[in-house]
Protein backbone atom coordinates (compact mmCIF):
# COMPACT_ATOMS: atom_id res chain seq x y z
CA MET A 1 129.57 1.65 -13.98
CA ARG A 2 125.60 1.43 -14.59
CA LEU A 3 124.18 3.33 -17.61
CA PHE A 4 121.19 1.29 -18.09
CA LEU A 5 118.09 0.22 -15.90
CA PRO A 6 118.52 -3.50 -14.72
CA PRO A 7 115.79 -5.51 -15.66
CA LEU A 8 112.90 -5.66 -14.03
CA ASP A 9 112.55 -9.52 -12.91
CA ILE A 10 108.56 -10.18 -12.41
CA GLY A 11 107.96 -13.58 -11.09
CA ASP A 12 104.73 -15.52 -12.30
CA THR A 13 102.60 -15.04 -8.94
CA GLU A 14 104.51 -12.06 -7.20
CA GLY A 15 101.47 -9.69 -8.37
CA PHE A 16 102.18 -5.64 -7.71
CA ALA A 17 105.04 -6.29 -4.98
CA LYS A 18 105.51 -2.45 -3.48
CA GLU A 19 108.93 -2.32 -4.64
CA LYS A 20 108.62 -2.94 -8.17
CA ASP A 21 104.98 -1.22 -8.19
CA ILE A 22 106.84 2.19 -8.56
CA PHE A 23 103.31 3.61 -10.29
CA GLY A 24 101.18 2.18 -8.17
CA ARG A 25 99.43 1.07 -10.04
CA SER A 26 97.61 -2.13 -8.22
CA SER A 27 94.32 -0.53 -7.41
CA LEU A 28 93.94 -0.56 -11.52
CA GLY A 29 94.62 -4.24 -11.30
CA ARG A 30 92.27 -4.78 -8.67
CA GLY A 31 89.27 -2.40 -10.42
CA MET A 32 89.98 -5.00 -13.59
CA THR A 33 89.83 -8.42 -11.68
CA SER A 34 86.69 -7.26 -10.02
CA LEU A 35 85.67 -6.75 -13.67
CA LEU A 36 86.12 -9.79 -15.07
CA SER A 37 84.76 -11.60 -11.76
CA SER A 38 81.55 -10.37 -12.15
CA VAL A 39 80.41 -11.14 -15.97
CA SER A 40 80.27 -14.59 -17.40
CA ASP A 41 80.05 -13.54 -20.98
CA PRO A 42 83.26 -13.55 -22.79
CA VAL A 43 84.99 -10.25 -23.13
CA VAL A 44 87.70 -8.83 -24.79
CA LEU A 45 89.30 -5.69 -23.32
CA ALA A 46 92.01 -3.83 -24.40
CA LEU A 47 94.86 -2.20 -22.16
CA ASP A 48 95.92 0.91 -24.42
CA GLY A 49 98.68 2.66 -23.99
CA GLN A 50 101.43 4.22 -25.92
CA TRP A 51 104.81 2.14 -27.00
CA GLY A 52 107.07 2.35 -23.58
CA SER A 53 104.17 3.60 -21.09
CA GLY A 54 104.71 0.16 -18.57
CA LYS A 55 101.82 -2.25 -20.35
CA THR A 56 103.79 -4.99 -20.20
CA THR A 57 104.97 -4.96 -16.95
CA PHE A 58 101.71 -3.60 -15.35
CA LEU A 59 100.11 -7.05 -17.45
CA LYS A 60 102.73 -9.18 -15.83
CA MET A 61 102.09 -7.96 -12.44
CA TRP A 62 98.73 -8.42 -12.96
CA ALA A 63 98.97 -11.67 -13.95
CA GLY A 64 100.69 -12.78 -10.86
CA GLU A 65 97.96 -11.30 -8.77
CA LEU A 66 95.19 -13.69 -10.54
CA ARG A 67 97.38 -16.57 -10.03
CA LYS A 68 97.16 -16.13 -6.47
CA SER A 69 93.69 -15.32 -6.47
CA GLY A 70 92.93 -18.78 -8.30
CA PHE A 71 92.50 -17.67 -11.51
CA PRO A 72 93.64 -19.53 -14.74
CA VAL A 73 95.61 -17.25 -16.78
CA VAL A 74 97.66 -17.49 -19.91
CA TYR A 75 100.19 -15.00 -20.71
CA LEU A 76 101.04 -15.06 -24.52
CA ASP A 77 103.97 -12.50 -25.63
CA ALA A 78 101.94 -12.09 -29.64
CA PHE A 79 105.08 -10.21 -31.06
CA ARG A 80 107.60 -13.58 -30.07
CA ASN A 81 104.71 -15.32 -31.62
CA ASP A 82 104.22 -13.83 -34.78
CA TYR A 83 106.11 -16.56 -36.93
CA ALA A 84 103.45 -19.01 -36.35
CA ASP A 85 101.45 -20.35 -39.29
CA ASP A 86 98.12 -18.91 -37.88
CA ALA A 87 97.13 -17.29 -35.09
CA PHE A 88 94.87 -19.99 -33.71
CA THR A 89 98.02 -22.43 -32.94
CA ALA A 90 99.77 -19.21 -30.98
CA VAL A 91 96.90 -18.80 -28.20
CA ALA A 92 95.37 -22.65 -28.41
CA GLY A 93 98.98 -24.09 -28.27
CA GLU A 94 99.45 -21.67 -24.87
CA ILE A 95 96.22 -22.67 -23.39
CA ILE A 96 97.20 -26.40 -24.04
CA ALA A 97 100.62 -25.64 -21.84
CA LEU A 98 98.83 -24.19 -18.84
CA ALA A 99 96.41 -27.23 -19.17
CA ASN A 100 98.97 -29.90 -18.57
CA LEU A 101 100.79 -27.71 -16.40
CA GLN A 102 98.11 -27.64 -13.58
CA ARG A 103 98.03 -30.91 -13.00
CA LYS A 104 94.43 -30.58 -10.80
CA ALA A 105 92.68 -30.60 -14.28
CA GLY A 106 93.62 -33.51 -14.42
CA ALA A 107 95.61 -35.58 -17.24
CA THR A 108 92.31 -36.98 -18.89
CA SER A 109 90.64 -33.89 -18.96
CA ALA A 110 94.11 -32.00 -20.61
CA LYS A 111 94.06 -34.71 -23.00
CA ILE A 112 90.75 -34.52 -24.11
CA PHE A 113 90.91 -30.63 -25.04
CA LEU A 114 94.42 -31.26 -26.85
CA GLU A 115 92.52 -33.54 -29.09
CA LYS A 116 89.89 -31.57 -29.47
CA ALA A 117 92.19 -27.96 -30.30
CA VAL A 118 94.08 -29.79 -32.79
CA GLY A 119 91.17 -31.10 -34.68
CA ALA A 120 89.85 -27.38 -34.96
CA GLY A 121 93.73 -26.39 -35.69
CA LYS A 122 93.67 -28.58 -38.51
CA VAL A 123 90.08 -27.45 -40.13
CA ILE A 124 91.27 -23.71 -39.49
CA LEU A 125 94.92 -24.31 -40.84
CA ARG A 126 92.99 -25.71 -44.32
CA SER A 127 90.46 -23.20 -44.60
CA GLY A 128 93.16 -20.61 -44.16
CA LEU A 129 95.68 -21.99 -46.99
CA LYS A 130 94.36 -20.12 -49.72
CA LEU A 131 93.73 -17.28 -47.83
CA GLY A 132 96.70 -17.14 -45.99
CA LEU A 133 98.77 -16.78 -49.66
CA LYS A 134 96.88 -13.88 -50.53
CA ALA A 135 97.36 -12.14 -46.70
CA ALA A 136 100.66 -12.36 -47.40
CA THR A 137 100.81 -9.83 -50.09
CA LEU A 138 97.96 -8.01 -47.98
CA GLY A 139 95.58 -9.47 -51.10
CA ALA A 140 97.61 -7.58 -53.69
CA LEU A 141 97.03 -10.86 -55.75
CA ASP A 142 94.81 -13.29 -57.23
CA ALA A 143 95.10 -16.76 -59.04
CA ALA A 144 95.34 -14.89 -62.56
CA ASP A 145 98.48 -12.50 -61.24
CA PHE A 146 100.66 -15.59 -60.80
CA GLU A 147 100.87 -16.33 -64.37
CA ASN A 148 104.00 -14.05 -64.59
CA ILE A 149 105.41 -16.65 -61.85
CA GLY A 150 104.86 -19.39 -63.65
CA SER A 151 101.84 -21.69 -65.01
CA ASP A 152 102.52 -24.32 -62.52
CA LEU A 153 102.04 -22.43 -59.34
CA ALA A 154 98.94 -20.70 -60.85
CA LYS A 155 97.20 -24.08 -61.42
CA GLU A 156 98.41 -25.62 -58.08
CA ALA A 157 96.65 -22.57 -56.44
CA SER A 158 93.73 -22.76 -58.29
CA GLU A 159 93.55 -26.66 -57.78
CA LEU A 160 93.89 -26.02 -54.07
CA GLU A 161 91.51 -23.77 -53.65
CA ASP A 162 88.77 -25.92 -56.20
CA LYS A 163 89.41 -28.93 -53.62
CA TYR A 164 88.99 -27.14 -50.40
CA VAL A 165 85.94 -25.56 -51.79
CA GLY A 166 84.50 -28.71 -52.79
CA GLU A 167 85.64 -30.18 -49.51
CA LEU A 168 84.17 -27.59 -47.73
CA LEU A 169 80.71 -27.90 -49.31
CA THR A 170 80.28 -31.89 -49.11
CA LYS A 171 81.89 -31.65 -45.22
CA GLN A 172 80.18 -28.39 -43.52
CA LYS A 173 78.22 -30.02 -41.11
CA GLN A 174 81.86 -32.02 -40.10
CA VAL A 175 83.66 -28.62 -39.98
CA LYS A 176 81.07 -27.33 -37.41
CA GLU A 177 80.71 -30.08 -34.80
CA VAL A 178 84.54 -29.71 -34.76
CA ILE A 179 84.93 -25.83 -34.11
CA GLN A 180 81.85 -26.73 -31.98
CA ALA A 181 83.66 -29.54 -30.07
CA PHE A 182 86.83 -27.27 -29.21
CA GLN A 183 84.38 -24.60 -27.93
CA ASP A 184 82.75 -26.79 -25.50
CA ALA A 185 86.16 -27.99 -24.62
CA LEU A 186 87.36 -24.78 -23.83
CA GLN A 187 83.95 -23.32 -22.04
CA ASP A 188 84.66 -26.65 -19.51
CA LEU A 189 88.50 -25.96 -19.20
CA PRO A 190 88.58 -22.73 -16.62
CA ALA A 191 86.38 -25.07 -14.04
CA LEU A 192 88.93 -28.13 -14.75
CA LEU A 193 91.75 -25.88 -14.02
CA ASN A 194 90.25 -24.35 -10.66
CA PRO A 195 87.43 -26.52 -9.36
CA VAL A 196 85.62 -25.53 -6.55
CA LEU A 197 84.13 -27.15 -3.50
CA SER A 198 81.21 -25.48 -2.69
CA GLU A 199 78.17 -25.66 -5.16
CA ASP A 200 76.97 -21.79 -4.27
CA LEU A 201 80.77 -20.68 -6.35
CA VAL A 202 81.64 -20.58 -9.76
CA PRO A 203 84.72 -21.19 -10.89
CA LYS A 204 87.10 -18.09 -11.92
CA PRO A 205 86.99 -17.50 -15.53
CA LEU A 206 90.10 -18.32 -17.88
CA VAL A 207 91.46 -15.16 -18.26
CA ILE A 208 94.27 -15.28 -21.89
CA ILE A 209 96.26 -11.72 -22.05
CA VAL A 210 97.71 -11.17 -25.19
CA ASP A 211 100.56 -8.65 -25.10
CA GLU A 212 102.60 -6.34 -27.57
CA LEU A 213 100.20 -7.03 -30.06
CA ASP A 214 100.59 -3.35 -31.46
CA ARG A 215 104.25 -4.72 -32.77
CA CYS A 216 103.03 -7.53 -34.31
CA ARG A 217 102.72 -8.05 -38.10
CA PRO A 218 99.90 -6.12 -39.54
CA ILE A 219 98.38 -9.38 -40.56
CA PHE A 220 99.37 -11.70 -37.56
CA ALA A 221 97.56 -9.19 -35.23
CA LEU A 222 94.33 -9.27 -36.90
CA GLU A 223 94.44 -12.67 -37.50
CA ILE A 224 94.06 -12.89 -33.62
CA LEU A 225 91.81 -10.37 -33.56
CA GLU A 226 89.54 -12.49 -35.69
CA ARG A 227 90.37 -16.32 -34.56
CA ILE A 228 89.37 -14.72 -30.73
CA LYS A 229 86.06 -13.87 -32.02
CA HIS A 230 85.45 -16.47 -34.16
CA PHE A 231 86.67 -19.15 -32.43
CA PHE A 232 87.90 -18.33 -28.60
CA SER A 233 84.86 -16.26 -27.68
CA VAL A 234 82.76 -18.89 -25.11
CA PRO A 235 81.67 -18.39 -21.57
CA ASN A 236 84.29 -17.66 -18.63
CA VAL A 237 86.90 -17.25 -21.25
CA HIS A 238 88.35 -13.43 -20.85
CA PHE A 239 90.65 -11.76 -23.17
CA VAL A 240 92.94 -8.77 -22.43
CA LEU A 241 94.82 -6.93 -25.14
CA GLY A 242 98.04 -4.74 -24.73
CA ALA A 243 98.59 -2.96 -27.42
CA HIS A 244 98.39 0.85 -28.65
CA LEU A 245 95.11 0.70 -30.00
CA GLY A 246 96.19 3.95 -32.50
CA GLN A 247 99.32 1.89 -34.11
CA LEU A 248 96.76 -1.15 -34.14
CA GLY A 249 94.60 1.22 -36.28
CA ASN A 250 97.25 1.28 -38.54
CA SER A 251 97.60 -2.40 -38.97
CA VAL A 252 94.03 -2.40 -40.22
CA LYS A 253 94.99 0.29 -42.78
CA VAL A 254 97.55 -1.80 -44.27
CA ALA A 255 95.57 -4.50 -44.52
CA TYR A 256 92.46 -3.11 -45.58
CA GLY A 257 93.72 0.32 -46.94
CA ASN A 258 93.54 3.79 -46.05
CA ASP A 259 89.81 4.37 -46.81
CA ILE A 260 88.67 1.90 -43.64
CA ASP A 261 87.08 3.25 -40.21
CA SER A 262 89.79 1.45 -38.48
CA HIS A 263 87.98 2.71 -35.02
CA LEU A 264 84.82 1.08 -36.46
CA TYR A 265 86.45 -1.75 -37.56
CA LEU A 266 88.36 -2.52 -34.06
CA GLN A 267 84.90 -2.00 -32.41
CA LYS A 268 83.60 -5.21 -33.86
CA PHE A 269 86.24 -7.36 -31.76
CA ILE A 270 87.23 -4.82 -28.79
CA GLN A 271 84.09 -4.55 -26.27
CA LEU A 272 86.10 -2.36 -23.20
CA THR A 273 89.26 -0.05 -23.34
CA VAL A 274 91.11 0.76 -20.30
CA HIS A 275 93.31 3.59 -21.11
CA LEU A 276 96.67 3.67 -19.33
CA MET A 277 97.31 7.26 -18.72
CA ASP A 278 98.79 9.55 -16.39
CA ASP A 279 96.11 10.46 -13.54
CA GLY A 280 98.18 12.60 -11.17
CA GLU A 281 97.52 15.42 -10.02
CA ARG A 282 100.29 17.38 -8.06
CA ILE A 283 103.93 16.79 -9.58
CA ASP A 284 105.18 14.06 -7.27
CA GLN A 285 102.07 12.35 -8.34
CA TRP A 286 103.10 12.08 -11.69
CA THR A 287 104.41 8.96 -13.72
CA ALA A 288 107.23 10.39 -15.24
CA THR A 289 108.37 12.31 -11.66
CA LYS A 290 108.58 8.59 -10.20
CA PHE A 291 109.70 7.20 -12.90
CA ILE A 292 112.79 9.69 -13.30
CA ASN A 293 113.76 9.06 -9.71
CA TYR A 294 113.62 5.31 -10.01
CA VAL A 295 116.00 6.06 -13.17
CA ILE A 296 118.15 8.60 -10.95
CA GLN A 297 118.28 5.86 -8.15
CA ASN A 298 119.50 2.83 -10.57
CA LEU A 299 121.78 4.96 -12.61
CA ASP A 300 125.79 5.40 -11.36
CA PHE A 301 125.69 9.16 -11.25
CA LYS A 302 128.19 10.45 -8.94
CA PRO A 303 127.98 12.07 -5.79
CA GLU A 304 128.95 15.24 -7.28
CA HIS A 305 126.73 15.11 -10.22
CA GLN A 306 123.40 14.53 -8.44
CA GLU A 307 122.60 18.01 -7.68
CA LEU A 308 123.08 18.41 -11.75
CA ALA A 309 120.96 15.51 -12.23
CA ASN A 310 118.06 16.08 -9.70
CA ASN A 311 117.76 20.13 -11.35
CA SER A 312 118.13 18.88 -14.94
CA LYS A 313 114.97 16.30 -13.73
CA ASN A 314 112.74 18.97 -13.01
CA PHE A 315 113.26 21.41 -16.42
CA ILE A 316 112.61 17.44 -17.93
CA LEU A 317 109.25 16.95 -16.88
CA HIS A 318 107.88 20.23 -17.92
CA ILE A 319 108.79 18.98 -21.38
CA VAL A 320 107.68 15.17 -21.03
CA GLN A 321 104.41 16.02 -19.67
CA SER A 322 103.97 19.16 -22.31
CA ARG A 323 105.01 16.81 -24.96
CA ASN A 324 103.30 13.14 -23.69
CA LEU A 325 106.89 11.49 -24.12
CA SER A 326 106.84 7.40 -22.78
CA LEU A 327 108.86 5.97 -20.64
CA ARG A 328 111.19 4.53 -22.79
CA THR A 329 111.85 7.72 -23.88
CA ILE A 330 112.42 9.15 -20.60
CA GLU A 331 114.96 6.23 -19.72
CA ARG A 332 116.93 6.93 -23.19
CA ILE A 333 117.07 10.96 -21.65
CA MET A 334 118.43 9.70 -18.53
CA THR A 335 120.87 7.43 -19.73
CA THR A 336 122.21 9.64 -22.06
CA MET A 337 122.61 12.57 -19.64
CA ALA A 338 124.17 9.54 -16.98
CA LEU A 339 126.92 8.81 -19.95
CA ALA A 340 127.73 12.36 -20.10
CA LEU A 341 128.53 12.79 -16.64
CA ALA A 342 130.21 9.41 -16.43
CA PHE A 343 133.01 10.53 -18.38
CA ASP A 344 133.85 13.75 -17.05
CA GLY A 345 134.60 15.34 -13.01
CA GLN A 346 132.74 18.41 -12.15
CA ILE A 347 130.62 20.31 -14.56
CA ASN A 348 129.48 23.82 -13.83
CA LEU A 349 126.86 22.99 -16.40
CA PRO A 350 123.22 25.32 -16.75
CA ALA A 351 120.69 21.96 -15.68
CA GLU A 352 118.29 23.38 -18.59
CA ILE A 353 121.27 23.15 -21.20
CA LEU A 354 122.18 19.67 -19.76
CA GLY A 355 118.49 18.42 -19.60
CA GLY A 356 117.45 20.07 -23.14
CA LEU A 357 120.01 18.57 -25.00
CA CYS A 358 119.66 15.00 -23.61
CA VAL A 359 116.10 15.37 -24.86
CA LEU A 360 116.66 16.40 -28.44
CA LYS A 361 119.29 14.39 -28.71
CA ASN A 362 116.39 10.89 -28.22
CA THR A 363 113.49 12.50 -29.52
CA ASP A 364 115.00 15.08 -32.49
CA PRO A 365 118.09 14.04 -33.52
CA GLU A 366 118.38 16.61 -36.62
CA LEU A 367 118.14 19.39 -34.08
CA PHE A 368 120.70 18.06 -31.77
CA ILE A 369 122.98 17.89 -34.88
CA LYS A 370 122.50 21.21 -35.55
CA ALA A 371 123.16 22.04 -32.04
CA LYS A 372 126.81 20.39 -32.91
CA ARG A 373 127.13 22.20 -36.10
CA GLY A 374 126.61 25.40 -34.50
CA VAL A 375 123.26 26.32 -36.30
CA LEU A 376 120.80 25.58 -34.06
CA THR A 377 117.91 28.66 -33.71
CA PHE A 378 116.05 29.28 -31.20
CA ASP A 379 112.63 29.25 -33.09
CA GLU A 380 113.48 25.44 -33.62
CA ILE A 381 113.68 24.31 -29.86
CA ARG A 382 110.97 26.31 -28.59
CA VAL A 383 108.31 23.86 -29.26
CA LYS A 384 110.48 20.96 -28.74
CA LEU A 385 111.64 22.09 -25.06
CA ALA A 386 108.02 23.46 -24.40
CA PHE A 387 108.69 27.19 -24.12
CA HIS A 388 105.61 27.99 -25.88
CA ILE A 389 103.22 26.09 -22.45
CA VAL A 390 103.20 27.72 -19.56
CA PRO A 391 102.95 24.96 -16.90
CA VAL A 392 100.66 25.15 -13.61
CA ASP A 393 102.86 24.06 -11.23
CA SER A 394 105.05 27.31 -9.68
CA THR A 395 108.12 25.44 -9.94
CA LEU A 396 108.13 24.25 -13.49
CA ALA A 397 106.49 27.63 -14.76
CA TYR A 398 110.08 29.52 -12.88
CA LEU A 399 112.16 26.78 -14.61
CA ARG A 400 110.66 27.16 -17.91
CA GLU A 401 111.00 31.22 -17.91
CA ARG A 402 114.30 30.53 -16.58
CA GLY A 403 115.19 27.71 -19.23
CA SER A 404 114.07 30.07 -22.29
CA ASP A 405 116.13 32.91 -21.44
CA ILE A 406 119.63 30.29 -20.51
CA TRP A 407 119.02 28.56 -24.48
CA MET A 408 118.33 32.30 -25.85
CA TYR A 409 121.63 33.25 -24.44
CA PHE A 410 123.52 30.00 -25.24
CA LEU A 411 121.98 30.50 -28.88
CA GLY A 412 123.75 33.73 -29.09
CA VAL A 413 120.63 35.57 -28.03
CA GLU A 414 121.43 38.15 -25.13
CA ALA A 415 120.25 37.79 -22.32
CA LYS A 416 118.07 40.20 -20.26
CA ASP A 417 118.68 38.95 -16.52
CA ASP A 418 121.78 40.65 -15.10
CA ARG A 419 121.68 37.62 -12.89
CA LEU A 420 122.06 35.19 -15.80
CA LYS A 421 124.60 37.19 -17.27
CA ALA A 422 126.70 36.87 -14.00
CA GLN A 423 126.27 33.14 -14.32
CA TYR A 424 126.94 33.01 -17.91
CA GLN A 425 130.46 34.77 -17.17
CA ASP A 426 131.28 32.08 -14.56
CA PHE A 427 130.37 29.23 -16.91
CA ARG A 428 132.76 30.95 -19.48
CA ARG A 429 135.80 31.21 -16.86
CA TRP A 430 134.97 27.13 -16.21
CA LEU A 431 135.30 26.28 -19.84
CA ARG A 432 138.35 28.71 -20.24
CA SER A 433 136.88 28.95 -23.99
CA SER A 434 137.26 31.70 -26.56
CA PRO A 435 134.62 34.60 -26.83
CA ASP A 436 132.42 32.56 -29.45
CA PRO A 437 128.77 32.89 -28.50
CA GLN A 438 127.60 29.85 -29.63
CA LEU A 439 127.93 28.17 -26.22
CA LEU A 440 125.84 25.24 -27.09
CA SER A 441 127.73 23.88 -29.70
CA TRP A 442 130.68 22.85 -26.75
CA VAL A 443 128.10 21.56 -24.53
CA ALA A 444 126.60 19.36 -27.15
CA ASN A 445 130.45 18.01 -28.79
CA SER A 446 132.22 17.95 -25.53
CA VAL A 447 130.11 17.02 -22.72
CA ILE A 448 127.18 15.06 -24.44
CA ASP A 449 128.51 13.51 -27.35
CA LYS A 450 132.13 13.17 -26.12
CA LEU A 451 133.56 10.12 -24.26
CA ARG A 452 136.72 10.83 -22.38
CA PRO A 453 138.49 8.79 -19.86
CA ILE A 454 136.73 8.36 -16.63
CA LYS A 455 138.15 10.79 -13.63
């Protein structure tokens, strides 16, 4: 029995394989490639999308296309690296790994870059010693605040700061030279990683993809942005950030307070933004439609449940589009449905009830609990199930109106449609239940939330 989607394994050079690019986003990838190929000045581009919108899948596929076209590419999962002492070491370490991996760059060239990166890293880590101590407490503590913790610790912190300031004043020229040497080596690296045979051609730029930036610790996420701007901003090196900019803006507020203009702050580091959004005009072109079809094909819905799953899908689509639910949320909704149907035989259940309860369980669990207890009201779910919005698509408009009538009846409100009344009577006979008007409670407890032996 399969209740969860199998992991989507994307090879390093696979690119936008037709069977895996279910949303048809290869054209977006080609546009981004064309942009970065034509710009020599360093670019920081943000791919903005909510959590669960498919950013990581897109970026991994795009990275494969870049590699197939000869671009040197670094892919960094920032969330998996936010344990690092400094963001510089996390980024530089991945660049060094690429240089060592691609032998055509030459062992000597890779070694030179490694030496320059290590030298710069030492300077950066030393300069960040005291700042890192304050950053760990979001700037809430200063030297005097350590007196309550222990005079020795406060004295040590002050001495470290005084010692560093003194060294910085006397060695400022040396520090600048070390940083400049690192940037010169980084600027030369794309040509070493991807040499060209003709003098008329220029080497392809180094593309560094930093994914999951919005899931990092706020301080580490902002540290990456600052390190990119101050140390990695050199010609022919481009950064592409995968992040939900709204969440990244929250990280800015955590670090600097609610009064800061987080959008303006991020503009200091990000020059271009591409929004990963649904641009399909017809229902069959919607990202949500393609994804739900993909989920149904890959989960173990029994043959006798396929029609019910497909009918529920159309009702769920209206809710998904109206509430802008993420792909990850859609997957959980359909998994809940697959689990409910896996433990039962033939179910003569209205698709709008099945789909709506699966939505509530994953998006508004407090309302789902009310449904289980039999105390849910129609007013509470009217907006949550998008009955207040009339869709443009005629099929969804019909399902929305029909769904509203069905939910009203299941919540004890008299049905207006005689045809629907007859259907409810058939449903009651199938249930063989008492004439309790709160049918929804039975469905929530006995179908959605009750595991029985598989028939």
